[in-house]
N, C-alpha and C. Protein backbone atom coordinates (compact mmCIF):
# COMPACT_ATOMS: atom_id res chain seq x y z
N MET A 1 14.14 -13.60 0.12
CA MET A 1 15.42 -14.78 0.18
C MET A 1 15.65 -14.39 1.37
N LEU A 2 16.55 -15.72 1.88
CA LEU A 2 17.16 -16.82 2.54
C LEU A 2 18.02 -16.36 3.25
N ILE A 3 18.36 -15.74 4.17
CA ILE A 3 19.68 -15.65 5.24
C ILE A 3 20.04 -16.23 6.56
N SER A 4 20.74 -16.65 6.20
CA SER A 4 20.88 -17.83 7.80
C SER A 4 22.54 -17.82 8.10
N GLY A 5 23.08 -17.33 9.30
CA GLY A 5 24.60 -17.56 8.85
C GLY A 5 25.57 -17.11 8.64
N GLY A 6 26.46 -17.53 7.29
CA GLY A 6 26.91 -17.64 6.78
C GLY A 6 26.60 -17.97 5.65
N HIS A 7 25.71 -18.07 4.46
CA HIS A 7 24.96 -18.12 3.67
C HIS A 7 23.79 -17.52 3.57
N ALA A 8 23.72 -17.43 2.45
CA ALA A 8 22.75 -16.08 1.50
C ALA A 8 22.39 -16.84 0.13
N LEU A 9 20.81 -16.34 0.05
CA LEU A 9 20.10 -17.34 -0.69
C LEU A 9 19.67 -16.27 -1.29
N ILE A 10 19.45 -15.78 -2.76
CA ILE A 10 17.94 -14.68 -3.61
C ILE A 10 17.53 -15.78 -4.40
N VAL A 11 16.07 -15.97 -3.58
CA VAL A 11 15.18 -17.16 -4.52
C VAL A 11 14.29 -16.47 -4.70
N LEU A 12 13.58 -16.85 -5.83
CA LEU A 12 12.16 -16.78 -6.14
C LEU A 12 10.90 -17.87 -5.28
N VAL A 13 10.37 -17.97 -4.20
CA VAL A 13 9.31 -19.48 -4.65
C VAL A 13 8.28 -19.55 -4.84
N ARG A 14 7.65 -19.82 -5.46
CA ARG A 14 6.08 -20.34 -6.21
C ARG A 14 5.92 -21.55 -5.06
N GLY A 15 6.89 -22.45 -4.40
CA GLY A 15 5.83 -23.04 -3.68
C GLY A 15 6.73 -24.16 -3.19
N ALA A 16 6.20 -25.19 -1.89
CA ALA A 16 6.75 -25.42 -1.74
C ALA A 16 8.14 -27.18 -2.31
N SER A 17 8.14 -27.02 -3.71
CA SER A 17 9.09 -27.16 -4.55
C SER A 17 9.72 -27.10 -5.75
N GLU A 18 8.27 -25.50 -5.72
CA GLU A 18 9.14 -25.01 -6.70
C GLU A 18 9.73 -23.91 -6.53
N PHE A 19 10.46 -23.52 -6.99
CA PHE A 19 11.56 -22.35 -6.94
C PHE A 19 12.57 -21.87 -7.70
N THR A 20 13.49 -21.09 -8.04
CA THR A 20 14.69 -20.68 -8.47
C THR A 20 15.24 -19.94 -8.11
N ILE A 21 15.99 -20.14 -7.96
CA ILE A 21 17.90 -19.69 -7.17
C ILE A 21 18.14 -18.34 -8.24
N PHE A 22 18.14 -17.29 -7.66
CA PHE A 22 18.98 -16.07 -8.63
C PHE A 22 20.58 -16.08 -8.08
N GLY A 23 20.60 -16.63 -7.02
CA GLY A 23 22.54 -16.13 -6.40
C GLY A 23 22.12 -17.07 -5.39
N GLU A 24 23.33 -16.84 -4.97
CA GLU A 24 23.50 -17.59 -3.19
C GLU A 24 25.39 -17.07 -3.06
N SER A 25 25.36 -17.34 -1.73
CA SER A 25 27.35 -17.19 -1.66
C SER A 25 27.26 -17.91 0.03
N THR A 26 28.06 -18.53 -0.14
CA THR A 26 28.18 -19.63 0.97
C THR A 26 30.05 -19.52 0.88
N SER A 27 29.89 -18.46 0.69
CA SER A 27 31.97 -17.71 1.81
C SER A 27 31.89 -16.71 2.18
N GLY A 28 30.61 -15.83 2.06
CA GLY A 28 30.63 -14.33 2.98
C GLY A 28 28.96 -14.33 3.11
N SER A 29 29.45 -14.00 4.60
CA SER A 29 28.00 -13.30 5.54
C SER A 29 27.58 -12.10 4.93
N PRO A 30 26.36 -11.90 4.70
CA PRO A 30 25.45 -10.15 4.02
C PRO A 30 25.89 -9.44 5.35
N GLY A 31 26.11 -10.35 6.68
CA GLY A 31 26.82 -9.18 7.61
C GLY A 31 28.04 -8.79 7.79
N GLU A 32 28.77 -9.87 7.13
CA GLU A 32 30.08 -9.12 7.01
C GLU A 32 30.47 -8.37 6.05
N CYS A 33 30.04 -7.97 4.93
CA CYS A 33 29.52 -7.20 3.89
C CYS A 33 29.36 -6.20 4.72
N LEU A 34 28.18 -5.48 5.32
CA LEU A 34 27.85 -4.36 5.93
C LEU A 34 29.01 -4.40 6.67
N ASP A 35 29.74 -5.16 7.22
CA ASP A 35 31.06 -4.62 8.80
C ASP A 35 32.05 -3.66 7.67
N LYS A 36 32.16 -4.68 6.59
CA LYS A 36 33.18 -3.92 6.05
C LYS A 36 32.87 -2.11 5.59
N ILE A 37 31.12 -2.13 4.80
CA ILE A 37 31.27 -1.01 4.35
C ILE A 37 31.23 0.26 5.84
N ALA A 38 31.27 -0.71 6.92
CA ALA A 38 30.81 0.39 8.09
C ALA A 38 32.21 0.78 8.21
N ARG A 39 33.22 0.06 7.60
CA ARG A 39 35.11 0.08 8.33
C ARG A 39 35.48 1.62 7.23
N GLU A 40 35.11 0.89 6.22
CA GLU A 40 34.71 1.56 4.98
C GLU A 40 34.83 3.39 4.51
N LEU A 41 33.25 3.95 5.94
CA LEU A 41 32.78 4.61 5.73
C LEU A 41 33.49 5.27 7.34
N GLN A 42 33.99 5.20 7.96
CA GLN A 42 34.18 5.18 9.36
C GLN A 42 33.53 5.32 10.61
N ILE A 43 32.46 4.89 10.49
CA ILE A 43 31.40 5.30 11.07
C ILE A 43 31.94 4.54 12.50
N SER A 44 32.63 4.19 12.95
CA SER A 44 33.21 3.65 14.48
C SER A 44 33.76 5.16 14.85
N GLU A 45 34.25 6.12 14.11
CA GLU A 45 34.70 7.30 14.08
C GLU A 45 33.28 7.91 15.07
N MET A 46 32.37 7.65 14.51
CA MET A 46 30.64 9.30 14.87
C MET A 46 30.50 8.87 16.85
N LYS A 47 30.81 9.85 17.32
CA LYS A 47 29.81 9.97 17.94
C LYS A 47 29.04 8.75 18.80
N GLU A 48 27.69 9.25 17.87
CA GLU A 48 26.40 8.29 17.72
C GLU A 48 26.88 7.31 17.74
N PHE A 49 27.48 6.55 17.17
CA PHE A 49 28.02 4.85 16.64
C PHE A 49 28.46 4.64 17.68
N LEU A 50 29.32 4.49 19.03
CA LEU A 50 30.60 4.27 19.67
C LEU A 50 29.91 3.10 20.15
N ASP A 51 28.85 2.91 20.41
CA ASP A 51 28.47 0.79 21.28
C ASP A 51 27.57 0.72 20.93
N VAL A 52 27.68 0.78 18.73
CA VAL A 52 26.99 0.40 18.14
C VAL A 52 27.12 -0.59 17.23
N HIS A 53 26.94 -1.92 16.94
CA HIS A 53 27.61 -3.11 16.08
C HIS A 53 27.53 -2.02 14.62
N PRO A 54 28.98 -2.35 14.30
CA PRO A 54 29.08 -1.91 12.91
C PRO A 54 27.95 -2.51 11.62
N GLY A 55 27.74 -3.37 12.05
CA GLY A 55 26.69 -3.62 10.46
C GLY A 55 24.56 -2.76 11.22
N ALA A 56 24.59 -2.50 12.34
CA ALA A 56 23.45 -2.40 13.24
C ALA A 56 23.95 -0.39 13.00
N ALA A 57 25.13 -0.20 12.96
CA ALA A 57 24.65 0.93 12.68
C ALA A 57 24.89 1.16 10.91
N VAL A 58 25.35 0.76 9.99
CA VAL A 58 24.89 0.89 8.54
C VAL A 58 23.58 1.37 8.54
N GLU A 59 22.29 0.11 9.17
CA GLU A 59 21.12 -0.31 8.62
C GLU A 59 20.51 1.28 9.08
N GLN A 60 20.86 1.50 10.01
CA GLN A 60 20.49 3.21 11.35
C GLN A 60 21.10 4.06 10.05
N LEU A 61 21.59 4.97 9.89
CA LEU A 61 22.32 5.42 8.66
C LEU A 61 21.43 5.25 7.05
N ALA A 62 21.07 3.96 6.90
CA ALA A 62 20.66 4.15 5.69
C ALA A 62 18.94 4.21 5.69
N SER A 63 18.48 4.49 7.01
CA SER A 63 16.89 4.32 7.11
C SER A 63 16.88 5.74 7.43
N ARG A 64 17.96 6.77 7.14
CA ARG A 64 17.91 8.46 6.90
C ARG A 64 17.30 8.97 6.07
């Protein structure tokens, strides 16, 4: 998987010039998606995540 700024690709790489693109996004970044999830779950209202970036809070919760 290649994630760079606002772009993301899901790619199977077999070599420097041999790869297959399975999916891509140029309009929304993975981080933007995590921020939306955090807003929907109201993570910013949880005391333990008051000073944590929304995407990082989702990652911390997912690792539990």
